[in-house]
Amino acid sequence: MFRYRRRALASARALEQAVDSQLACVTRLPDDARRRSADHLAELVTLAQAYRAYARGWISYRELENRGRIATARLSHLRSPHPAAAHLTERD
């Protein structure tokens, strides 16, 4: 097996192990935190799938890089603080 394939599979395994280690913690979180954490973990799973696809030769290195950039951008967006929704009140 080519070295790049072994490295890609090792990266996929590392991402999957990170997700597996956090799954039990997610179930104990409050609803909003659970959703955010689940979204983070889903991005990591998607990235692991991209590494596996690259290792199998289904996608190019350029496509892997593109998917990595997309995942990083999504994770950054998920991490950024979102302003709380303004309470709507009736004006007298």
PDB file of N, CA and C in Angstrom:
ATOM      1  N   MET A   1       0.853  -1.181   0.000  1.00  0.00           N
ATOM      2  CA  MET A   1       0.000   0.000   0.000  1.00  0.00           C
ATOM      3  C   MET A   1       0.891   1.234   0.000  1.00  0.00           C
ATOM      4  N   PHE A   2       0.485   2.231  -0.755  1.00  0.00           N
ATOM      5  CA  PHE A   2       1.249   3.466  -0.832  1.00  0.00           C
ATOM      6  C   PHE A   2       1.209   4.204   0.498  1.00  0.00           C
ATOM      7  N   ARG A   3       2.279   4.955   0.741  1.00  0.00           N
ATOM      8  CA  ARG A   3       2.391   5.679   2.007  1.00  0.00           C
ATOM      9  C   ARG A   3       1.255   6.683   2.192  1.00  0.00           C
ATOM     10  N   TYR A   4       0.878   7.378   1.127  1.00  0.00           N
ATOM     11  CA  TYR A   4      -0.193   8.379   1.257  1.00  0.00           C
ATOM     12  C   TYR A   4      -1.505   7.725   1.662  1.00  0.00           C
ATOM     13  N   ARG A   5      -1.732   6.493   1.206  1.00  0.00           N
ATOM     14  CA  ARG A   5      -2.960   5.790   1.587  1.00  0.00           C
ATOM     15  C   ARG A   5      -2.934   5.416   3.065  1.00  0.00           C
ATOM     16  N   ARG A   6      -1.793   4.934   3.517  1.00  0.00           N
ATOM     17  CA  ARG A   6      -1.674   4.586   4.944  1.00  0.00           C
ATOM     18  C   ARG A   6      -1.875   5.813   5.816  1.00  0.00           C
ATOM     19  N   ARG A   7      -1.293   6.927   5.408  1.00  0.00           N
ATOM     20  CA  ARG A   7      -1.429   8.157   6.188  1.00  0.00           C
ATOM     21  C   ARG A   7      -2.872   8.658   6.185  1.00  0.00           C
ATOM     22  N   ALA A   8      -3.528   8.554   5.044  1.00  0.00           N
ATOM     23  CA  ALA A   8      -4.930   8.986   4.968  1.00  0.00           C
ATOM     24  C   ALA A   8      -5.807   8.105   5.844  1.00  0.00           C
ATOM     25  N   LEU A   9      -5.571   6.802   5.820  1.00  0.00           N
ATOM     26  CA  LEU A   9      -6.352   5.895   6.669  1.00  0.00           C
ATOM     27  C   LEU A   9      -6.073   6.149   8.148  1.00  0.00           C
ATOM     28  N   ALA A  10      -4.822   6.450   8.479  1.00  0.00           N
ATOM     29  CA  ALA A  10      -4.484   6.764   9.872  1.00  0.00           C
ATOM     30  C   ALA A  10      -5.191   8.047  10.318  1.00  0.00           C
ATOM     31  N   SER A  11      -5.264   9.028   9.438  1.00  0.00           N
ATOM     32  CA  SER A  11      -5.975  10.269   9.761  1.00  0.00           C
ATOM     33  C   SER A  11      -7.461  10.009   9.957  1.00  0.00           C
ATOM     34  N   ALA A  12      -8.029   9.179   9.090  1.00  0.00           N
ATOM     35  CA  ALA A  12      -9.453   8.836   9.221  1.00  0.00           C
ATOM     36  C   ALA A  12      -9.709   8.123  10.540  1.00  0.00           C
ATOM     37  N   ARG A  13      -8.835   7.195  10.895  1.00  0.00           N
ATOM     38  CA  ARG A  13      -8.997   6.473  12.168  1.00  0.00           C
ATOM     39  C   ARG A  13      -8.895   7.418  13.353  1.00  0.00           C
ATOM     40  N   ALA A  14      -7.957   8.351  13.305  1.00  0.00           N
ATOM     41  CA  ALA A  14      -7.790   9.308  14.407  1.00  0.00           C
ATOM     42  C   ALA A  14      -9.042  10.170  14.568  1.00  0.00           C
ATOM     43  N   LEU A  15      -9.595  10.626  13.460  1.00  0.00           N
ATOM     44  CA  LEU A  15     -10.823  11.424  13.529  1.00  0.00           C
ATOM     45  C   LEU A  15     -11.976  10.599  14.083  1.00  0.00           C
ATOM     46  N   GLU A  16     -12.095   9.362  13.624  1.00  0.00           N
ATOM     47  CA  GLU A  16     -13.174   8.498  14.105  1.00  0.00           C
ATOM     48  C   GLU A  16     -13.015   8.170  15.588  1.00  0.00           C
ATOM     49  N   GLN A  17     -11.783   7.993  16.044  1.00  0.00           N
ATOM     50  CA  GLN A  17     -11.552   7.741  17.471  1.00  0.00           C
ATOM     51  C   GLN A  17     -11.931   8.961  18.300  1.00  0.00           C
ATOM     52  N   ALA A  18     -11.621  10.147  17.784  1.00  0.00           N
ATOM     53  CA  ALA A  18     -12.000  11.375  18.494  1.00  0.00           C
ATOM     54  C   ALA A  18     -13.518  11.471  18.615  1.00  0.00           C
ATOM     55  N   VAL A  19     -14.214  11.143  17.548  1.00  0.00           N
ATOM     56  CA  VAL A  19     -15.678  11.175  17.575  1.00  0.00           C
ATOM     57  C   VAL A  19     -16.206  10.132  18.548  1.00  0.00           C
ATOM     58  N   ASP A  20     -15.706   8.908  18.451  1.00  0.00           N
ATOM     59  CA  ASP A  20     -16.170   7.832  19.333  1.00  0.00           C
ATOM     60  C   ASP A  20     -15.963   8.170  20.804  1.00  0.00           C
ATOM     61  N   SER A  21     -14.844   8.815  21.117  1.00  0.00           N
ATOM     62  CA  SER A  21     -14.558   9.133  22.516  1.00  0.00           C
ATOM     63  C   SER A  21     -15.489  10.212  23.064  1.00  0.00           C
ATOM     64  N   GLN A  22     -16.089  11.013  22.189  1.00  0.00           N
ATOM     65  CA  GLN A  22     -16.958  12.103  22.631  1.00  0.00           C
ATOM     66  C   GLN A  22     -18.444  11.761  22.608  1.00  0.00           C
ATOM     67  N   LEU A  23     -18.815  10.682  21.956  1.00  0.00           N
ATOM     68  CA  LEU A  23     -20.240  10.362  21.803  1.00  0.00           C
ATOM     69  C   LEU A  23     -20.964  10.206  23.135  1.00  0.00           C
ATOM     70  N   ALA A  24     -20.369   9.525  24.084  1.00  0.00           N
ATOM     71  CA  ALA A  24     -21.025   9.317  25.376  1.00  0.00           C
ATOM     72  C   ALA A  24     -21.251  10.645  26.106  1.00  0.00           C
ATOM     73  N   CYS A  25     -20.326  11.564  25.949  1.00  0.00           N
ATOM     74  CA  CYS A  25     -20.461  12.873  26.608  1.00  0.00           C
ATOM     75  C   CYS A  25     -21.598  13.692  26.016  1.00  0.00           C
ATOM     76  N   VAL A  26     -21.813  13.554  24.728  1.00  0.00           N
ATOM     77  CA  VAL A  26     -22.828  14.362  24.046  1.00  0.00           C
ATOM     78  C   VAL A  26     -24.220  14.077  24.591  1.00  0.00           C
ATOM     79  N   THR A  27     -24.498  12.840  24.911  1.00  0.00           N
ATOM     80  CA  THR A  27     -25.845  12.483  25.379  1.00  0.00           C
ATOM     81  C   THR A  27     -26.183  13.120  26.718  1.00  0.00           C
ATOM     82  N   ARG A  28     -25.179  13.513  27.481  1.00  0.00           N
ATOM     83  CA  ARG A  28     -25.422  14.106  28.799  1.00  0.00           C
ATOM     84  C   ARG A  28     -25.526  15.630  28.764  1.00  0.00           C
ATOM     85  N   LEU A  29     -25.364  16.217  27.607  1.00  0.00           N
ATOM     86  CA  LEU A  29     -25.408  17.676  27.487  1.00  0.00           C
ATOM     87  C   LEU A  29     -26.840  18.186  27.372  1.00  0.00           C
ATOM     88  N   PRO A  30     -27.060  19.452  27.730  1.00  0.00           N
ATOM     89  CA  PRO A  30     -28.375  20.064  27.486  1.00  0.00           C
ATOM     90  C   PRO A  30     -28.657  20.103  25.979  1.00  0.00           C
ATOM     91  N   ASP A  31     -29.915  20.272  25.624  1.00  0.00           N
ATOM     92  CA  ASP A  31     -30.332  20.173  24.223  1.00  0.00           C
ATOM     93  C   ASP A  31     -29.528  21.044  23.263  1.00  0.00           C
ATOM     94  N   ASP A  32     -29.392  22.335  23.567  1.00  0.00           N
ATOM     95  CA  ASP A  32     -28.700  23.219  22.620  1.00  0.00           C
ATOM     96  C   ASP A  32     -27.223  22.860  22.497  1.00  0.00           C
ATOM     97  N   ALA A  33     -26.592  22.530  23.602  1.00  0.00           N
ATOM     98  CA  ALA A  33     -25.188  22.124  23.561  1.00  0.00           C
ATOM     99  C   ALA A  33     -25.034  20.781  22.850  1.00  0.00           C
ATOM    100  N   ARG A  34     -26.007  19.906  23.034  1.00  0.00           N
ATOM    101  CA  ARG A  34     -25.969  18.597  22.371  1.00  0.00           C
ATOM    102  C   ARG A  34     -26.015  18.769  20.856  1.00  0.00           C
ATOM    103  N   ARG A  35     -26.877  19.666  20.392  1.00  0.00           N
ATOM    104  CA  ARG A  35     -26.978  19.903  18.944  1.00  0.00           C
ATOM    105  C   ARG A  35     -25.671  20.453  18.385  1.00  0.00           C
ATOM    106  N   ARG A  36     -25.090  21.416  19.078  1.00  0.00           N
ATOM    107  CA  ARG A  36     -23.822  21.990  18.613  1.00  0.00           C
ATOM    108  C   ARG A  36     -22.726  20.937  18.592  1.00  0.00           C
ATOM    109  N   SER A  37     -22.643  20.146  19.650  1.00  0.00           N
ATOM    110  CA  SER A  37     -21.616  19.105  19.709  1.00  0.00           C
ATOM    111  C   SER A  37     -21.833  18.052  18.636  1.00  0.00           C
ATOM    112  N   ALA A  38     -23.088  17.688  18.417  1.00  0.00           N
ATOM    113  CA  ALA A  38     -23.390  16.705  17.369  1.00  0.00           C
ATOM    114  C   ALA A  38     -22.999  17.248  15.999  1.00  0.00           C
ATOM    115  N   ASP A  39     -23.213  18.538  15.776  1.00  0.00           N
ATOM    116  CA  ASP A  39     -22.811  19.143  14.502  1.00  0.00           C
ATOM    117  C   ASP A  39     -21.294  19.109  14.331  1.00  0.00           C
ATOM    118  N   HIS A  40     -20.557  19.398  15.407  1.00  0.00           N
ATOM    119  CA  HIS A  40     -19.095  19.313  15.353  1.00  0.00           C
ATOM    120  C   HIS A  40     -18.651  17.894  15.009  1.00  0.00           C
ATOM    121  N   LEU A  41     -19.223  16.936  15.708  1.00  0.00           N
ATOM    122  CA  LEU A  41     -18.830  15.543  15.479  1.00  0.00           C
ATOM    123  C   LEU A  41     -19.195  15.094  14.067  1.00  0.00           C
ATOM    124  N   ALA A  42     -20.324  15.557  13.562  1.00  0.00           N
ATOM    125  CA  ALA A  42     -20.725  15.197  12.200  1.00  0.00           C
ATOM    126  C   ALA A  42     -19.722  15.732  11.178  1.00  0.00           C
ATOM    127  N   GLU A  43     -19.203  16.920  11.402  1.00  0.00           N
ATOM    128  CA  GLU A  43     -18.182  17.463  10.496  1.00  0.00           C
ATOM    129  C   GLU A  43     -16.918  16.615  10.530  1.00  0.00           C
ATOM    130  N   LEU A  44     -16.541  16.154  11.713  1.00  0.00           N
ATOM    131  CA  LEU A  44     -15.355  15.301  11.815  1.00  0.00           C
ATOM    132  C   LEU A  44     -15.570  13.973  11.101  1.00  0.00           C
ATOM    133  N   VAL A  45     -16.769  13.419  11.210  1.00  0.00           N
ATOM    134  CA  VAL A  45     -17.083  12.170  10.506  1.00  0.00           C
ATOM    135  C   VAL A  45     -17.017  12.388   8.999  1.00  0.00           C
ATOM    136  N   THR A  46     -17.550  13.507   8.534  1.00  0.00           N
ATOM    137  CA  THR A  46     -17.511  13.821   7.105  1.00  0.00           C
ATOM    138  C   THR A  46     -16.072  13.934   6.617  1.00  0.00           C
ATOM    139  N   LEU A  47     -15.229  14.558   7.417  1.00  0.00           N
ATOM    140  CA  LEU A  47     -13.821  14.683   7.048  1.00  0.00           C
ATOM    141  C   LEU A  47     -13.136  13.319   7.039  1.00  0.00           C
ATOM    142  N   ALA A  48     -13.453  12.472   8.000  1.00  0.00           N
ATOM    143  CA  ALA A  48     -12.892  11.118   8.019  1.00  0.00           C
ATOM    144  C   ALA A  48     -13.308  10.351   6.769  1.00  0.00           C
ATOM    145  N   GLN A  49     -14.546  10.521   6.342  1.00  0.00           N
ATOM    146  CA  GLN A  49     -15.010   9.866   5.115  1.00  0.00           C
ATOM    147  C   GLN A  49     -14.228  10.359   3.902  1.00  0.00           C
ATOM    148  N   ALA A  50     -13.904  11.643   3.884  1.00  0.00           N
ATOM    149  CA  ALA A  50     -13.115  12.191   2.779  1.00  0.00           C
ATOM    150  C   ALA A  50     -11.720  11.573   2.762  1.00  0.00           C
ATOM    151  N   TYR A  51     -11.113  11.410   3.930  1.00  0.00           N
ATOM    152  CA  TYR A  51      -9.798  10.767   3.988  1.00  0.00           C
ATOM    153  C   TYR A  51      -9.867   9.326   3.492  1.00  0.00           C
ATOM    154  N   ARG A  52     -10.912   8.618   3.849  1.00  0.00           N
ATOM    155  CA  ARG A  52     -11.067   7.235   3.369  1.00  0.00           C
ATOM    156  C   ARG A  52     -11.272   7.198   1.851  1.00  0.00           C
ATOM    157  N   ALA A  53     -12.051   8.135   1.333  1.00  0.00           N
ATOM    158  CA  ALA A  53     -12.261   8.202  -0.119  1.00  0.00           C
ATOM    159  C   ALA A  53     -10.948   8.497  -0.839  1.00  0.00           C
ATOM    160  N   TYR A  54     -10.129   9.363  -0.278  1.00  0.00           N
ATOM    161  CA  TYR A  54      -8.821   9.655  -0.860  1.00  0.00           C
ATOM    162  C   TYR A  54      -7.925   8.420  -0.823  1.00  0.00           C
ATOM    163  N   ALA A  55      -7.938   7.714   0.299  1.00  0.00           N
ATOM    164  CA  ALA A  55      -7.106   6.513   0.422  1.00  0.00           C
ATOM    165  C   ALA A  55      -7.499   5.448  -0.601  1.00  0.00           C
ATOM    166  N   ARG A  56      -8.772   5.396  -0.943  1.00  0.00           N
ATOM    167  CA  ARG A  56      -9.249   4.417  -1.933  1.00  0.00           C
ATOM    168  C   ARG A  56      -9.057   4.893  -3.369  1.00  0.00           C
ATOM    169  N   GLY A  57      -8.621   6.127  -3.531  1.00  0.00           N
ATOM    170  CA  GLY A  57      -8.418   6.663  -4.869  1.00  0.00           C
ATOM    171  C   GLY A  57      -9.681   7.204  -5.511  1.00  0.00           C
ATOM    172  N   TRP A  58     -10.728   7.392  -4.735  1.00  0.00           N
ATOM    173  CA  TRP A  58     -12.001   7.878  -5.272  1.00  0.00           C
ATOM    174  C   TRP A  58     -11.995   9.380  -5.486  1.00  0.00           C
ATOM    175  N   ILE A  59     -11.180  10.103  -4.707  1.00  0.00           N
ATOM    176  CA  ILE A  59     -11.067  11.551  -4.881  1.00  0.00           C
ATOM    177  C   ILE A  59      -9.589  11.916  -4.946  1.00  0.00           C
ATOM    178  N   SER A  60      -9.302  13.056  -5.537  1.00  0.00           N
ATOM    179  CA  SER A  60      -7.922  13.521  -5.665  1.00  0.00           C
ATOM    180  C   SER A  60      -7.470  14.221  -4.384  1.00  0.00           C
ATOM    181  N   TYR A  61      -6.162  14.480  -4.324  1.00  0.00           N
ATOM    182  CA  TYR A  61      -5.628  15.220  -3.186  1.00  0.00           C
ATOM    183  C   TYR A  61      -6.220  16.628  -3.147  1.00  0.00           C
ATOM    184  N   ARG A  62      -6.392  17.216  -4.316  1.00  0.00           N
ATOM    185  CA  ARG A  62      -6.988  18.553  -4.394  1.00  0.00           C
ATOM    186  C   ARG A  62      -8.403  18.550  -3.817  1.00  0.00           C
ATOM    187  N   GLU A  63      -9.175  17.508  -4.136  1.00  0.00           N
ATOM    188  CA  GLU A  63     -10.536  17.406  -3.603  1.00  0.00           C
ATOM    189  C   GLU A  63     -10.506  17.196  -2.088  1.00  0.00           C
ATOM    190  N   LEU A  64      -9.553  16.403  -1.612  1.00  0.00           N
ATOM    191  CA  LEU A  64      -9.407  16.209  -0.166  1.00  0.00           C
ATOM    192  C   LEU A  64      -9.104  17.540   0.514  1.00  0.00           C
ATOM    193  N   GLU A  65      -8.189  18.308  -0.074  1.00  0.00           N
ATOM    194  CA  GLU A  65      -7.883  19.628   0.483  1.00  0.00           C
ATOM    195  C   GLU A  65      -9.117  20.523   0.498  1.00  0.00           C
ATOM    196  N   ASN A  66      -9.877  20.496  -0.576  1.00  0.00           N
ATOM    197  CA  ASN A  66     -11.093  21.305  -0.658  1.00  0.00           C
ATOM    198  C   ASN A  66     -12.082  20.901   0.431  1.00  0.00           C
ATOM    199  N   ARG A  67     -12.288  19.617   0.601  1.00  0.00           N
ATOM    200  CA  ARG A  67     -13.213  19.144   1.636  1.00  0.00           C
ATOM    201  C   ARG A  67     -12.698  19.492   3.028  1.00  0.00           C
ATOM    202  N   GLY A  68     -11.390  19.457   3.204  1.00  0.00           N
ATOM    203  CA  GLY A  68     -10.806  19.855   4.483  1.00  0.00           C
ATOM    204  C   GLY A  68     -11.037  21.326   4.779  1.00  0.00           C
ATOM    205  N   ARG A  69     -10.889  22.168   3.752  1.00  0.00           N
ATOM    206  CA  ARG A  69     -11.154  23.608   3.929  1.00  0.00           C
ATOM    207  C   ARG A  69     -12.617  23.858   4.271  1.00  0.00           C
ATOM    208  N   ILE A  70     -13.507  23.142   3.599  1.00  0.00           N
ATOM    209  CA  ILE A  70     -14.938  23.303   3.865  1.00  0.00           C
ATOM    210  C   ILE A  70     -15.260  22.881   5.297  1.00  0.00           C
ATOM    211  N   ALA A  71     -14.708  21.744   5.722  1.00  0.00           N
ATOM    212  CA  ALA A  71     -14.956  21.267   7.088  1.00  0.00           C
ATOM    213  C   ALA A  71     -14.411  22.254   8.115  1.00  0.00           C
ATOM    214  N   THR A  72     -13.225  22.791   7.855  1.00  0.00           N
ATOM    215  CA  THR A  72     -12.632  23.766   8.768  1.00  0.00           C
ATOM    216  C   THR A  72     -13.491  25.023   8.856  1.00  0.00           C
ATOM    217  N   ALA A  73     -13.989  25.477   7.722  1.00  0.00           N
ATOM    218  CA  ALA A  73     -14.850  26.667   7.723  1.00  0.00           C
ATOM    219  C   ALA A  73     -16.142  26.398   8.489  1.00  0.00           C
ATOM    220  N   ARG A  74     -16.718  25.229   8.298  1.00  0.00           N
ATOM    221  CA  ARG A  74     -17.954  24.898   9.021  1.00  0.00           C
ATOM    222  C   ARG A  74     -17.703  24.793  10.517  1.00  0.00           C
ATOM    223  N   LEU A  75     -16.586  24.180  10.893  1.00  0.00           N
ATOM    224  CA  LEU A  75     -16.260  24.077  12.317  1.00  0.00           C
ATOM    225  C   LEU A  75     -16.030  25.459  12.918  1.00  0.00           C
ATOM    226  N   SER A  76     -15.357  26.326  12.187  1.00  0.00           N
ATOM    227  CA  SER A  76     -15.136  27.697  12.673  1.00  0.00           C
ATOM    228  C   SER A  76     -16.454  28.427  12.846  1.00  0.00           C
ATOM    229  N   HIS A  77     -17.354  28.235  11.899  1.00  0.00           N
ATOM    230  CA  HIS A  77     -18.674  28.867  12.001  1.00  0.00           C
ATOM    231  C   HIS A  77     -19.438  28.333  13.211  1.00  0.00           C
ATOM    232  N   LEU A  78     -19.364  27.036  13.439  1.00  0.00           N
ATOM    233  CA  LEU A  78     -20.060  26.447  14.587  1.00  0.00           C
ATOM    234  C   LEU A  78     -19.483  26.953  15.906  1.00  0.00           C
ATOM    235  N   ARG A  79     -18.177  27.216  15.920  1.00  0.00           N
ATOM    236  CA  ARG A  79     -17.517  27.682  17.142  1.00  0.00           C
ATOM    237  C   ARG A  79     -17.787  29.145  17.423  1.00  0.00           C
ATOM    238  N   SER A  80     -18.065  29.919  16.389  1.00  0.00           N
ATOM    239  CA  SER A  80     -18.230  31.357  16.587  1.00  0.00           C
ATOM    240  C   SER A  80     -19.495  31.636  17.384  1.00  0.00           C
ATOM    241  N   PRO A  81     -19.416  32.613  18.279  1.00  0.00           N
ATOM    242  CA  PRO A  81     -20.599  32.932  19.088  1.00  0.00           C
ATOM    243  C   PRO A  81     -21.688  33.534  18.212  1.00  0.00           C
ATOM    244  N   HIS A  82     -22.879  33.063  18.410  1.00  0.00           N
ATOM    245  CA  HIS A  82     -24.029  33.585  17.685  1.00  0.00           C
ATOM    246  C   HIS A  82     -24.827  34.453  18.643  1.00  0.00           C
ATOM    247  N   PRO A  83     -25.173  35.659  18.219  1.00  0.00           N
ATOM    248  CA  PRO A  83     -25.936  36.530  19.127  1.00  0.00           C
ATOM    249  C   PRO A  83     -27.275  35.889  19.476  1.00  0.00           C
ATOM    250  N   ALA A  84     -27.672  36.092  20.703  1.00  0.00           N
ATOM    251  CA  ALA A  84     -28.960  35.552  21.147  1.00  0.00           C
ATOM    252  C   ALA A  84     -30.080  36.239  20.383  1.00  0.00           C
ATOM    253  N   ALA A  85     -31.110  35.497  20.138  1.00  0.00           N
ATOM    254  CA  ALA A  85     -32.257  36.066  19.427  1.00  0.00           C
ATOM    255  C   ALA A  85     -32.875  37.166  20.276  1.00  0.00           C
ATOM    256  N   ALA A  86     -33.184  38.269  19.646  1.00  0.00           N
ATOM    257  CA  ALA A  86     -33.795  39.388  20.369  1.00  0.00           C
ATOM    258  C   ALA A  86     -35.223  39.022  20.736  1.00  0.00           C
ATOM    259  N   HIS A  87     -35.592  39.410  21.920  1.00  0.00           N
ATOM    260  CA  HIS A  87     -36.969  39.170  22.341  1.00  0.00           C
ATOM    261  C   HIS A  87     -37.876  40.195  21.684  1.00  0.00           C
ATOM    262  N   LEU A  88     -38.923  39.709  21.121  1.00  0.00           N
ATOM    263  CA  LEU A  88     -39.879  40.607  20.484  1.00  0.00           C
ATOM    264  C   LEU A  88     -40.929  41.007  21.507  1.00  0.00           C
ATOM    265  N   THR A  89     -41.156  42.290  21.599  1.00  0.00           N
ATOM    266  CA  THR A  89     -42.176  42.788  22.530  1.00  0.00           C
ATOM    267  C   THR A  89     -43.113  43.708  21.778  1.00  0.00           C
ATOM    268  N   GLU A  90     -44.304  43.829  22.294  1.00  0.00           N
ATOM    269  CA  GLU A  90     -45.260  44.756  21.691  1.00  0.00           C
ATOM    270  C   GLU A  90     -44.960  46.150  22.204  1.00  0.00           C
ATOM    271  N   ARG A  91     -45.057  47.069  21.306  1.00  0.00           N
ATOM    272  CA  ARG A  91     -44.887  48.465  21.721  1.00  0.00           C
ATOM    273  C   ARG A  91     -46.248  49.007  22.102  1.00  0.00           C
ATOM    274  N   ASP A  92     -46.283  49.729  23.186  1.00  0.00           N
ATOM    275  CA  ASP A  92     -47.562  50.315  23.637  1.00  0.00           C
ATOM    276  C   ASP A  92     -47.900  51.548  22.861  1.00  0.00           C
TER     277      ASP A  92
END
